[in-house]
PDB file of N, CA and C in Angstrom:
ATOM      1  N   MET A   1       0.840  -1.181   0.000  1.00  0.00           N
ATOM      2  CA  MET A   1       0.000   0.000   0.000  1.00  0.00           C
ATOM      3  C   MET A   1       0.882   1.239   0.000  1.00  0.00           C
ATOM      4  N   LYS A   2       0.361   2.288  -0.595  1.00  0.00           N
ATOM      5  CA  LYS A   2       1.099   3.544  -0.692  1.00  0.00           C
ATOM      6  C   LYS A   2       0.210   4.701  -0.239  1.00  0.00           C
ATOM      7  N   LYS A   3       0.870   5.732   0.299  1.00  0.00           N
ATOM      8  CA  LYS A   3       0.177   6.960   0.658  1.00  0.00           C
ATOM      9  C   LYS A   3       0.634   8.036  -0.313  1.00  0.00           C
ATOM     10  N   ILE A   4      -0.321   8.672  -0.970  1.00  0.00           N
ATOM     11  CA  ILE A   4      -0.037   9.760  -1.898  1.00  0.00           C
ATOM     12  C   ILE A   4      -0.415  11.057  -1.200  1.00  0.00           C
ATOM     13  N   GLU A   5       0.551  11.975  -1.115  1.00  0.00           N
ATOM     14  CA  GLU A   5       0.299  13.312  -0.585  1.00  0.00           C
ATOM     15  C   GLU A   5       0.549  14.277  -1.731  1.00  0.00           C
ATOM     16  N   ALA A   6      -0.465  15.042  -2.091  1.00  0.00           N
ATOM     17  CA  ALA A   6      -0.342  15.983  -3.201  1.00  0.00           C
ATOM     18  C   ALA A   6      -0.630  17.384  -2.701  1.00  0.00           C
ATOM     19  N   ILE A   7       0.257  18.303  -3.033  1.00  0.00           N
ATOM     20  CA  ILE A   7       0.068  19.715  -2.727  1.00  0.00           C
ATOM     21  C   ILE A   7      -0.369  20.368  -4.032  1.00  0.00           C
ATOM     22  N   ILE A   8      -1.579  20.957  -4.045  1.00  0.00           N
ATOM     23  CA  ILE A   8      -2.118  21.516  -5.287  1.00  0.00           C
ATOM     24  C   ILE A   8      -2.674  22.917  -5.052  1.00  0.00           C
ATOM     25  N   LYS A   9      -2.975  23.600  -6.149  1.00  0.00           N
ATOM     26  CA  LYS A   9      -3.641  24.899  -6.069  1.00  0.00           C
ATOM     27  C   LYS A   9      -5.097  24.665  -5.686  1.00  0.00           C
ATOM     28  N   PRO A  10      -5.659  25.511  -4.823  1.00  0.00           N
ATOM     29  CA  PRO A  10      -7.021  25.282  -4.321  1.00  0.00           C
ATOM     30  C   PRO A  10      -8.097  25.168  -5.402  1.00  0.00           C
ATOM     31  N   PHE A  11      -7.995  25.932  -6.472  1.00  0.00           N
ATOM     32  CA  PHE A  11      -9.052  25.909  -7.490  1.00  0.00           C
ATOM     33  C   PHE A  11      -9.034  24.631  -8.330  1.00  0.00           C
ATOM     34  N   LYS A  12      -8.035  23.780  -8.140  1.00  0.00           N
ATOM     35  CA  LYS A  12      -7.938  22.519  -8.873  1.00  0.00           C
ATOM     36  C   LYS A  12      -8.566  21.337  -8.119  1.00  0.00           C
ATOM     37  N   LEU A  13      -9.092  21.573  -6.930  1.00  0.00           N
ATOM     38  CA  LEU A  13      -9.601  20.479  -6.092  1.00  0.00           C
ATOM     39  C   LEU A  13     -10.691  19.676  -6.786  1.00  0.00           C
ATOM     40  N   ASP A  14     -11.690  20.332  -7.355  1.00  0.00           N
ATOM     41  CA  ASP A  14     -12.792  19.589  -7.979  1.00  0.00           C
ATOM     42  C   ASP A  14     -12.313  18.721  -9.131  1.00  0.00           C
ATOM     43  N   GLU A  15     -11.388  19.248  -9.931  1.00  0.00           N
ATOM     44  CA  GLU A  15     -10.861  18.465 -11.048  1.00  0.00           C
ATOM     45  C   GLU A  15     -10.096  17.242 -10.551  1.00  0.00           C
ATOM     46  N   VAL A  16      -9.299  17.416  -9.504  1.00  0.00           N
ATOM     47  CA  VAL A  16      -8.533  16.300  -8.950  1.00  0.00           C
ATOM     48  C   VAL A  16      -9.478  15.267  -8.346  1.00  0.00           C
ATOM     49  N   LYS A  17     -10.481  15.730  -7.625  1.00  0.00           N
ATOM     50  CA  LYS A  17     -11.449  14.818  -7.009  1.00  0.00           C
ATOM     51  C   LYS A  17     -12.162  13.989  -8.070  1.00  0.00           C
ATOM     52  N   GLU A  18     -12.601  14.622  -9.139  1.00  0.00           N
ATOM     53  CA  GLU A  18     -13.283  13.909 -10.217  1.00  0.00           C
ATOM     54  C   GLU A  18     -12.347  12.922 -10.909  1.00  0.00           C
ATOM     55  N   ALA A  19     -11.100  13.314 -11.111  1.00  0.00           N
ATOM     56  CA  ALA A  19     -10.132  12.431 -11.765  1.00  0.00           C
ATOM     57  C   ALA A  19      -9.855  11.193 -10.911  1.00  0.00           C
ATOM     58  N   LEU A  20      -9.732  11.383  -9.591  1.00  0.00           N
ATOM     59  CA  LEU A  20      -9.506  10.235  -8.703  1.00  0.00           C
ATOM     60  C   LEU A  20     -10.738   9.334  -8.662  1.00  0.00           C
ATOM     61  N   HIS A  21     -11.911   9.925  -8.665  1.00  0.00           N
ATOM     62  CA  HIS A  21     -13.144   9.140  -8.680  1.00  0.00           C
ATOM     63  C   HIS A  21     -13.238   8.328  -9.980  1.00  0.00           C
ATOM     64  N   ALA A  22     -12.804   8.919 -11.089  1.00  0.00           N
ATOM     65  CA  ALA A  22     -12.868   8.245 -12.390  1.00  0.00           C
ATOM     66  C   ALA A  22     -11.961   7.015 -12.451  1.00  0.00           C
ATOM     67  N   VAL A  23     -10.862   7.012 -11.688  1.00  0.00           N
ATOM     68  CA  VAL A  23      -9.981   5.836 -11.684  1.00  0.00           C
ATOM     69  C   VAL A  23     -10.338   4.850 -10.573  1.00  0.00           C
ATOM     70  N   GLY A  24     -11.442   5.090  -9.882  1.00  0.00           N
ATOM     71  CA  GLY A  24     -11.954   4.125  -8.918  1.00  0.00           C
ATOM     72  C   GLY A  24     -11.582   4.345  -7.469  1.00  0.00           C
ATOM     73  N   LEU A  25     -11.027   5.506  -7.131  1.00  0.00           N
ATOM     74  CA  LEU A  25     -10.696   5.775  -5.733  1.00  0.00           C
ATOM     75  C   LEU A  25     -11.866   6.442  -5.045  1.00  0.00           C
ATOM     76  N   GLN A  26     -12.148   6.018  -3.821  1.00  0.00           N
ATOM     77  CA  GLN A  26     -13.341   6.491  -3.140  1.00  0.00           C
ATOM     78  C   GLN A  26     -13.067   7.524  -2.066  1.00  0.00           C
ATOM     79  N   GLY A  27     -12.003   7.383  -1.310  1.00  0.00           N
ATOM     80  CA  GLY A  27     -11.791   8.270  -0.168  1.00  0.00           C
ATOM     81  C   GLY A  27     -10.549   9.123  -0.313  1.00  0.00           C
ATOM     82  N   MET A  28     -10.609  10.295   0.297  1.00  0.00           N
ATOM     83  CA  MET A  28      -9.456  11.182   0.312  1.00  0.00           C
ATOM     84  C   MET A  28      -9.610  12.142   1.476  1.00  0.00           C
ATOM     85  N   THR A  29      -8.502  12.681   1.921  1.00  0.00           N
ATOM     86  CA  THR A  29      -8.492  13.695   2.969  1.00  0.00           C
ATOM     87  C   THR A  29      -7.925  14.958   2.369  1.00  0.00           C
ATOM     88  N   VAL A  30      -8.575  16.093   2.651  1.00  0.00           N
ATOM     89  CA  VAL A  30      -8.133  17.380   2.125  1.00  0.00           C
ATOM     90  C   VAL A  30      -7.859  18.315   3.294  1.00  0.00           C
ATOM     91  N   LEU A  31      -6.675  18.912   3.293  1.00  0.00           N
ATOM     92  CA  LEU A  31      -6.286  19.847   4.339  1.00  0.00           C
ATOM     93  C   LEU A  31      -5.932  21.187   3.708  1.00  0.00           C
ATOM     94  N   GLU A  32      -6.352  22.277   4.332  1.00  0.00           N
ATOM     95  CA  GLU A  32      -5.939  23.589   3.867  1.00  0.00           C
ATOM     96  C   GLU A  32      -4.529  23.844   4.377  1.00  0.00           C
ATOM     97  N   ALA A  33      -3.686  24.381   3.513  1.00  0.00           N
ATOM     98  CA  ALA A  33      -2.294  24.606   3.878  1.00  0.00           C
ATOM     99  C   ALA A  33      -1.826  25.928   3.284  1.00  0.00           C
ATOM    100  N   LYS A  34      -0.703  26.401   3.782  1.00  0.00           N
ATOM    101  CA  LYS A  34      -0.044  27.564   3.212  1.00  0.00           C
ATOM    102  C   LYS A  34       1.417  27.218   3.056  1.00  0.00           C
ATOM    103  N   GLY A  35       2.019  27.694   1.992  1.00  0.00           N
ATOM    104  CA  GLY A  35       3.428  27.382   1.796  1.00  0.00           C
ATOM    105  C   GLY A  35       3.955  28.028   0.540  1.00  0.00           C
ATOM    106  N   PHE A  36       5.204  27.742   0.268  1.00  0.00           N
ATOM    107  CA  PHE A  36       5.824  28.223  -0.959  1.00  0.00           C
ATOM    108  C   PHE A  36       6.933  27.269  -1.356  1.00  0.00           C
ATOM    109  N   GLY A  37       7.221  27.299  -2.617  1.00  0.00           N
ATOM    110  CA  GLY A  37       8.320  26.506  -3.156  1.00  0.00           C
ATOM    111  C   GLY A  37       9.320  27.448  -3.785  1.00  0.00           C
ATOM    112  N   ARG A  38       9.651  27.163  -4.999  1.00  0.00           N
ATOM    113  CA  ARG A  38      10.622  27.993  -5.700  1.00  0.00           C
ATOM    114  C   ARG A  38      10.112  29.395  -5.996  1.00  0.00           C
ATOM    115  N   GLN A  39       8.784  29.543  -6.081  1.00  0.00           N
ATOM    116  CA  GLN A  39       8.267  30.863  -6.440  1.00  0.00           C
ATOM    117  C   GLN A  39       8.435  31.887  -5.320  1.00  0.00           C
ATOM    118  N   ARG A  40       8.639  31.457  -4.097  1.00  0.00           N
ATOM    119  CA  ARG A  40       8.923  32.334  -2.962  1.00  0.00           C
ATOM    120  C   ARG A  40       7.868  33.413  -2.717  1.00  0.00           C
ATOM    121  N   GLY A  41       6.621  33.148  -3.074  1.00  0.00           N
ATOM    122  CA  GLY A  41       5.555  34.119  -2.830  1.00  0.00           C
ATOM    123  C   GLY A  41       5.581  35.244  -3.841  1.00  0.00           C
ATOM    124  N   HIS A  42       4.880  36.328  -3.519  1.00  0.00           N
ATOM    125  CA  HIS A  42       4.812  37.468  -4.416  1.00  0.00           C
ATOM    126  C   HIS A  42       4.455  38.721  -3.628  1.00  0.00           C
ATOM    127  N   THR A  43       4.510  39.868  -4.274  1.00  0.00           N
ATOM    128  CA  THR A  43       4.131  41.114  -3.607  1.00  0.00           C
ATOM    129  C   THR A  43       2.759  41.549  -4.096  1.00  0.00           C
ATOM    130  N   GLU A  44       1.988  42.162  -3.210  1.00  0.00           N
ATOM    131  CA  GLU A  44       0.670  42.681  -3.544  1.00  0.00           C
ATOM    132  C   GLU A  44       0.586  44.130  -3.116  1.00  0.00           C
ATOM    133  N   LEU A  45      -0.237  44.882  -3.797  1.00  0.00           N
ATOM    134  CA  LEU A  45      -0.453  46.283  -3.477  1.00  0.00           C
ATOM    135  C   LEU A  45      -1.823  46.418  -2.834  1.00  0.00           C
ATOM    136  N   TYR A  46      -1.883  46.964  -1.612  1.00  0.00           N
ATOM    137  CA  TYR A  46      -3.147  47.146  -0.912  1.00  0.00           C
ATOM    138  C   TYR A  46      -3.185  48.553  -0.336  1.00  0.00           C
ATOM    139  N   ARG A  47      -4.120  49.338  -0.797  1.00  0.00           N
ATOM    140  CA  ARG A  47      -4.276  50.721  -0.348  1.00  0.00           C
ATOM    141  C   ARG A  47      -2.978  51.513  -0.420  1.00  0.00           C
ATOM    142  N   GLY A  48      -2.284  51.333  -1.506  1.00  0.00           N
ATOM    143  CA  GLY A  48      -1.060  52.091  -1.730  1.00  0.00           C
ATOM    144  C   GLY A  48       0.182  51.539  -1.066  1.00  0.00           C
ATOM    145  N   ALA A  49       0.048  50.517  -0.251  1.00  0.00           N
ATOM    146  CA  ALA A  49       1.211  49.924   0.422  1.00  0.00           C
ATOM    147  C   ALA A  49       1.503  48.562  -0.203  1.00  0.00           C
ATOM    148  N   GLU A  50       2.762  48.253  -0.316  1.00  0.00           N
ATOM    149  CA  GLU A  50       3.189  46.989  -0.889  1.00  0.00           C
ATOM    150  C   GLU A  50       3.410  45.966   0.223  1.00  0.00           C
ATOM    151  N   TYR A  51       2.860  44.772   0.054  1.00  0.00           N
ATOM    152  CA  TYR A  51       2.994  43.701   1.035  1.00  0.00           C
ATOM    153  C   TYR A  51       3.614  42.487   0.359  1.00  0.00           C
ATOM    154  N   ILE A  52       4.468  41.803   1.084  1.00  0.00           N
ATOM    155  CA  ILE A  52       5.050  40.555   0.587  1.00  0.00           C
ATOM    156  C   ILE A  52       4.213  39.403   1.129  1.00  0.00           C
ATOM    157  N   VAL A  53       3.693  38.592   0.215  1.00  0.00           N
ATOM    158  CA  VAL A  53       2.918  37.403   0.589  1.00  0.00           C
ATOM    159  C   VAL A  53       3.823  36.215   0.344  1.00  0.00           C
ATOM    160  N   ASP A  54       4.458  35.698   1.430  1.00  0.00           N
ATOM    161  CA  ASP A  54       5.369  34.577   1.218  1.00  0.00           C
ATOM    162  C   ASP A  54       4.664  33.234   1.259  1.00  0.00           C
ATOM    163  N   PHE A  55       3.607  33.101   2.036  1.00  0.00           N
ATOM    164  CA  PHE A  55       2.911  31.822   2.123  1.00  0.00           C
ATOM    165  C   PHE A  55       1.640  31.893   1.293  1.00  0.00           C
ATOM    166  N   LEU A  56       1.610  31.086   0.246  1.00  0.00           N
ATOM    167  CA  LEU A  56       0.476  31.065  -0.665  1.00  0.00           C
ATOM    168  C   LEU A  56      -0.499  29.969  -0.250  1.00  0.00           C
ATOM    169  N   PRO A  57      -1.801  30.176  -0.482  1.00  0.00           N
ATOM    170  CA  PRO A  57      -2.775  29.147  -0.127  1.00  0.00           C
ATOM    171  C   PRO A  57      -2.622  27.912  -1.018  1.00  0.00           C
ATOM    172  N   LYS A  58      -2.624  26.764  -0.399  1.00  0.00           N
ATOM    173  CA  LYS A  58      -2.512  25.478  -1.092  1.00  0.00           C
ATOM    174  C   LYS A  58      -3.487  24.504  -0.444  1.00  0.00           C
ATOM    175  N   LEU A  59      -3.700  23.378  -1.082  1.00  0.00           N
ATOM    176  CA  LEU A  59      -4.442  22.274  -0.494  1.00  0.00           C
ATOM    177  C   LEU A  59      -3.545  21.050  -0.492  1.00  0.00           C
ATOM    178  N   LYS A  60      -3.640  20.278   0.582  1.00  0.00           N
ATOM    179  CA  LYS A  60      -2.902  19.023   0.666  1.00  0.00           C
ATOM    180  C   LYS A  60      -3.924  17.894   0.622  1.00  0.00           C
ATOM    181  N   ILE A  61      -3.768  17.033  -0.349  1.00  0.00           N
ATOM    182  CA  ILE A  61      -4.658  15.884  -0.510  1.00  0.00           C
ATOM    183  C   ILE A  61      -3.893  14.638  -0.094  1.00  0.00           C
ATOM    184  N   GLU A  62      -4.532  13.815   0.716  1.00  0.00           N
ATOM    185  CA  GLU A  62      -3.921  12.549   1.130  1.00  0.00           C
ATOM    186  C   GLU A  62      -4.825  11.409   0.691  1.00  0.00           C
ATOM    187  N   VAL A  63      -4.230  10.418   0.028  1.00  0.00           N
ATOM    188  CA  VAL A  63      -4.967   9.251  -0.444  1.00  0.00           C
ATOM    189  C   VAL A  63      -4.104   8.022  -0.186  1.00  0.00           C
ATOM    190  N   VAL A  64      -4.696   6.968   0.355  1.00  0.00           N
ATOM    191  CA  VAL A  64      -3.986   5.697   0.521  1.00  0.00           C
ATOM    192  C   VAL A  64      -4.558   4.734  -0.510  1.00  0.00           C
ATOM    193  N   VAL A  65      -3.659   4.125  -1.287  1.00  0.00           N
ATOM    194  CA  VAL A  65      -4.075   3.251  -2.384  1.00  0.00           C
ATOM    195  C   VAL A  65      -3.326   1.930  -2.320  1.00  0.00           C
ATOM    196  N   SER A  66      -3.887   0.925  -2.985  1.00  0.00           N
ATOM    197  CA  SER A  66      -3.156  -0.335  -3.129  1.00  0.00           C
ATOM    198  C   SER A  66      -2.032  -0.110  -4.132  1.00  0.00           C
ATOM    199  N   ASP A  67      -1.036  -0.986  -4.123  1.00  0.00           N
ATOM    200  CA  ASP A  67       0.089  -0.854  -5.042  1.00  0.00           C
ATOM    201  C   ASP A  67      -0.386  -0.848  -6.501  1.00  0.00           C
ATOM    202  N   ALA A  68      -1.438  -1.616  -6.796  1.00  0.00           N
ATOM    203  CA  ALA A  68      -1.940  -1.710  -8.162  1.00  0.00           C
ATOM    204  C   ALA A  68      -2.583  -0.403  -8.630  1.00  0.00           C
ATOM    205  N   GLN A  69      -3.115   0.391  -7.717  1.00  0.00           N
ATOM    206  CA  GLN A  69      -3.793   1.644  -8.074  1.00  0.00           C
ATOM    207  C   GLN A  69      -2.849   2.847  -8.124  1.00  0.00           C
ATOM    208  N   LEU A  70      -1.619   2.680  -7.686  1.00  0.00           N
ATOM    209  CA  LEU A  70      -0.704   3.812  -7.525  1.00  0.00           C
ATOM    210  C   LEU A  70      -0.489   4.593  -8.815  1.00  0.00           C
ATOM    211  N   GLU A  71      -0.107   3.925  -9.880  1.00  0.00           N
ATOM    212  CA  GLU A  71       0.217   4.632 -11.121  1.00  0.00           C
ATOM    213  C   GLU A  71      -0.990   5.400 -11.659  1.00  0.00           C
ATOM    214  N   ALA A  72      -2.164   4.784 -11.634  1.00  0.00           N
ATOM    215  CA  ALA A  72      -3.373   5.448 -12.139  1.00  0.00           C
ATOM    216  C   ALA A  72      -3.712   6.672 -11.295  1.00  0.00           C
ATOM    217  N   ALA A  73      -3.557   6.559  -9.982  1.00  0.00           N
ATOM    218  CA  ALA A  73      -3.866   7.683  -9.093  1.00  0.00           C
ATOM    219  C   ALA A  73      -2.893   8.837  -9.297  1.00  0.00           C
ATOM    220  N   VAL A  74      -1.606   8.540  -9.383  1.00  0.00           N
ATOM    221  CA  VAL A  74      -0.606   9.589  -9.581  1.00  0.00           C
ATOM    222  C   VAL A  74      -0.821  10.278 -10.933  1.00  0.00           C
ATOM    223  N   ASN A  75      -1.104   9.500 -11.980  1.00  0.00           N
ATOM    224  CA  ASN A  75      -1.368  10.090 -13.288  1.00  0.00           C
ATOM    225  C   ASN A  75      -2.607  10.974 -13.269  1.00  0.00           C
ATOM    226  N   ALA A  76      -3.646  10.537 -12.565  1.00  0.00           N
ATOM    227  CA  ALA A  76      -4.882  11.319 -12.477  1.00  0.00           C
ATOM    228  C   ALA A  76      -4.627  12.656 -11.787  1.00  0.00           C
ATOM    229  N   ILE A  77      -3.865  12.635 -10.704  1.00  0.00           N
ATOM    230  CA  ILE A  77      -3.565  13.875  -9.985  1.00  0.00           C
ATOM    231  C   ILE A  77      -2.696  14.784 -10.845  1.00  0.00           C
ATOM    232  N   THR A  78      -1.670  14.217 -11.452  1.00  0.00           N
ATOM    233  CA  THR A  78      -0.750  15.004 -12.273  1.00  0.00           C
ATOM    234  C   THR A  78      -1.481  15.715 -13.408  1.00  0.00           C
ATOM    235  N   LYS A  79      -2.310  14.992 -14.130  1.00  0.00           N
ATOM    236  CA  LYS A  79      -3.016  15.582 -15.275  1.00  0.00           C
ATOM    237  C   LYS A  79      -4.062  16.602 -14.844  1.00  0.00           C
ATOM    238  N   SER A  80      -4.805  16.318 -13.781  1.00  0.00           N
ATOM    239  CA  SER A  80      -5.903  17.210 -13.394  1.00  0.00           C
ATOM    240  C   SER A  80      -5.425  18.442 -12.629  1.00  0.00           C
ATOM    241  N   ALA A  81      -4.273  18.388 -11.974  1.00  0.00           N
ATOM    242  CA  ALA A  81      -3.771  19.533 -11.210  1.00  0.00           C
ATOM    243  C   ALA A  81      -2.846  20.422 -12.036  1.00  0.00           C
ATOM    244  N   HIS A  82      -2.493  19.993 -13.233  1.00  0.00           N
ATOM    245  CA  HIS A  82      -1.523  20.714 -14.069  1.00  0.00           C
ATOM    246  C   HIS A  82      -2.126  21.982 -14.669  1.00  0.00           C
ATOM    247  N   THR A  83      -1.418  23.104 -14.520  1.00  0.00           N
ATOM    248  CA  THR A  83      -1.781  24.344 -15.204  1.00  0.00           C
ATOM    249  C   THR A  83      -0.648  24.800 -16.111  1.00  0.00           C
ATOM    250  N   GLY A  84       0.546  24.298 -15.859  1.00  0.00           N
ATOM    251  CA  GLY A  84       1.707  24.708 -16.633  1.00  0.00           C
ATOM    252  C   GLY A  84       2.388  25.942 -16.084  1.00  0.00           C
ATOM    253  N   LYS A  85       1.861  26.460 -14.988  1.00  0.00           N
ATOM    254  CA  LYS A  85       2.447  27.658 -14.381  1.00  0.00           C
ATOM    255  C   LYS A  85       3.166  27.277 -13.098  1.00  0.00           C
ATOM    256  N   ILE A  86       4.050  28.149 -12.660  1.00  0.00           N
ATOM    257  CA  ILE A  86       4.800  27.903 -11.432  1.00  0.00           C
ATOM    258  C   ILE A  86       3.832  27.768 -10.255  1.00  0.00           C
ATOM    259  N   GLY A  87       4.139  26.856  -9.345  1.00  0.00           N
ATOM    260  CA  GLY A  87       3.298  26.649  -8.169  1.00  0.00           C
ATOM    261  C   GLY A  87       2.224  25.600  -8.342  1.00  0.00           C
ATOM    262  N   ASP A  88       2.320  24.772  -9.396  1.00  0.00           N
ATOM    263  CA  ASP A  88       1.330  23.708  -9.601  1.00  0.00           C
ATOM    264  C   ASP A  88       1.326  22.712  -8.452  1.00  0.00           C
ATOM    265  N   GLY A  89       2.454  22.529  -7.775  1.00  0.00           N
ATOM    266  CA  GLY A  89       2.484  21.646  -6.619  1.00  0.00           C
ATOM    267  C   GLY A  89       3.435  20.481  -6.772  1.00  0.00           C
ATOM    268  N   LYS A  90       3.293  19.542  -5.838  1.00  0.00           N
ATOM    269  CA  LYS A  90       4.155  18.360  -5.809  1.00  0.00           C
ATOM    270  C   LYS A  90       3.332  17.164  -5.350  1.00  0.00           C
ATOM    271  N   ILE A  91       3.839  15.984  -5.690  1.00  0.00           N
ATOM    272  CA  ILE A  91       3.234  14.728  -5.237  1.00  0.00           C
ATOM    273  C   ILE A  91       4.311  13.929  -4.530  1.00  0.00           C
ATOM    274  N   PHE A  92       3.985  13.454  -3.334  1.00  0.00           N
ATOM    275  CA  PHE A  92       4.898  12.617  -2.553  1.00  0.00           C
ATOM    276  C   PHE A  92       4.245  11.246  -2.378  1.00  0.00           C
ATOM    277  N   VAL A  93       5.030  10.184  -2.551  1.00  0.00           N
ATOM    278  CA  VAL A  93       4.525   8.824  -2.378  1.00  0.00           C
ATOM    279  C   VAL A  93       5.359   8.153  -1.306  1.00  0.00           C
ATOM    280  N   SER A  94       4.678   7.552  -0.326  1.00  0.00           N
ATOM    281  CA  SER A  94       5.397   6.851   0.734  1.00  0.00           C
ATOM    282  C   SER A  94       4.728   5.500   0.998  1.00  0.00           C
ATOM    283  N   GLU A  95       5.487   4.627   1.623  1.00  0.00           N
ATOM    284  CA  GLU A  95       5.026   3.266   1.921  1.00  0.00           C
ATOM    285  C   GLU A  95       4.134   3.275   3.165  1.00  0.00           C
ATOM    286  N   ILE A  96       3.059   2.511   3.113  1.00  0.00           N
ATOM    287  CA  ILE A  96       2.181   2.309   4.268  1.00  0.00           C
ATOM    288  C   ILE A  96       2.300   0.840   4.669  1.00  0.00           C
ATOM    289  N   THR A  97       2.640   0.605   5.917  1.00  0.00           N
ATOM    290  CA  THR A  97       2.824  -0.780   6.345  1.00  0.00           C
ATOM    291  C   THR A  97       1.537  -1.435   6.823  1.00  0.00           C
ATOM    292  N   GLU A  98       0.598  -0.661   7.330  1.00  0.00           N
ATOM    293  CA  GLU A  98      -0.650  -1.245   7.824  1.00  0.00           C
ATOM    294  C   GLU A  98      -1.764  -0.232   7.823  1.00  0.00           C
ATOM    295  N   VAL A  99      -2.967  -0.700   7.518  1.00  0.00           N
ATOM    296  CA  VAL A  99      -4.173   0.116   7.593  1.00  0.00           C
ATOM    297  C   VAL A  99      -5.201  -0.692   8.378  1.00  0.00           C
ATOM    298  N   ILE A 100      -5.875  -0.035   9.312  1.00  0.00           N
ATOM    299  CA  ILE A 100      -6.903  -0.699  10.112  1.00  0.00           C
ATOM    300  C   ILE A 100      -8.150   0.177  10.108  1.00  0.00           C
ATOM    301  N   ARG A 101      -9.275  -0.393   9.693  1.00  0.00           N
ATOM    302  CA  ARG A 101     -10.541   0.333   9.746  1.00  0.00           C
ATOM    303  C   ARG A 101     -11.082   0.212  11.167  1.00  0.00           C
ATOM    304  N   ILE A 102     -11.257   1.308  11.834  1.00  0.00           N
ATOM    305  CA  ILE A 102     -11.649   1.302  13.240  1.00  0.00           C
ATOM    306  C   ILE A 102     -13.026   0.651  13.445  1.00  0.00           C
ATOM    307  N   ARG A 103     -13.983   0.972  12.590  1.00  0.00           N
ATOM    308  CA  ARG A 103     -15.355   0.476  12.775  1.00  0.00           C
ATOM    309  C   ARG A 103     -15.453  -1.040  12.709  1.00  0.00           C
ATOM    310  N   THR A 104     -14.774  -1.667  11.725  1.00  0.00           N
ATOM    311  CA  THR A 104     -14.939  -3.114  11.504  1.00  0.00           C
ATOM    312  C   THR A 104     -13.738  -3.937  11.921  1.00  0.00           C
ATOM    313  N   GLY A 105     -12.589  -3.298  12.071  1.00  0.00           N
ATOM    314  CA  GLY A 105     -11.389  -4.043  12.397  1.00  0.00           C
ATOM    315  C   GLY A 105     -10.698  -4.626  11.173  1.00  0.00           C
ATOM    316  N   GLU A 106     -11.214  -4.340   9.979  1.00  0.00           N
ATOM    317  CA  GLU A 106     -10.582  -4.838   8.760  1.00  0.00           C
ATOM    318  C   GLU A 106      -9.167  -4.264   8.645  1.00  0.00           C
ATOM    319  N   THR A 107      -8.281  -5.035   8.016  1.00  0.00           N
ATOM    320  CA  THR A 107      -6.906  -4.583   7.849  1.00  0.00           C
ATOM    321  C   THR A 107      -6.482  -4.703   6.398  1.00  0.00           C
ATOM    322  N   GLY A 108      -5.365  -4.095   6.072  1.00  0.00           N
ATOM    323  CA  GLY A 108      -4.800  -4.198   4.729  1.00  0.00           C
ATOM    324  C   GLY A 108      -5.653  -3.535   3.673  1.00  0.00           C
ATOM    325  N   ASP A 109      -5.645  -4.133   2.454  1.00  0.00           N
ATOM    326  CA  ASP A 109      -6.375  -3.571   1.318  1.00  0.00           C
ATOM    327  C   ASP A 109      -7.876  -3.471   1.575  1.00  0.00           C
ATOM    328  N   GLN A 110      -8.454  -4.372   2.364  1.00  0.00           N
ATOM    329  CA  GLN A 110      -9.889  -4.303   2.650  1.00  0.00           C
ATOM    330  C   GLN A 110     -10.253  -3.062   3.458  1.00  0.00           C
ATOM    331  N   ALA A 111      -9.301  -2.524   4.206  1.00  0.00           N
ATOM    332  CA  ALA A 111      -9.566  -1.343   5.034  1.00  0.00           C
ATOM    333  C   ALA A 111      -9.489  -0.046   4.253  1.00  0.00           C
ATOM    334  N   ILE A 112      -8.901  -0.092   3.068  1.00  0.00           N
ATOM    335  CA  ILE A 112      -8.793   1.125   2.255  1.00  0.00           C
ATOM    336  C   ILE A 112     -10.159   1.423   1.723  1.00  0.00           C
TER     337      ILE A 112
END
């Protein structure tokens, strides 16, 4: 099993959700986040004063998938979150050793 963590632009959430649903994934966790990468934020003008906005709004999506679903899920996120502009985000994949569904006690792939 693998855990996919994707940092994306907030307005891309619906597209990513639909793309993951289309490849057969049912559950996901979405967290609001702020951060920056290479773009290092930007400056904004408000009432004549210039402000530096270093932390940009992002969303972090977490999905746990079976090994067989990994490639399809990563491709779905990559294609649906892509704008071609700086700050599109990143995808991190890590190993999950165990999953347990609290309600039923199911483990492994059945708990996903």
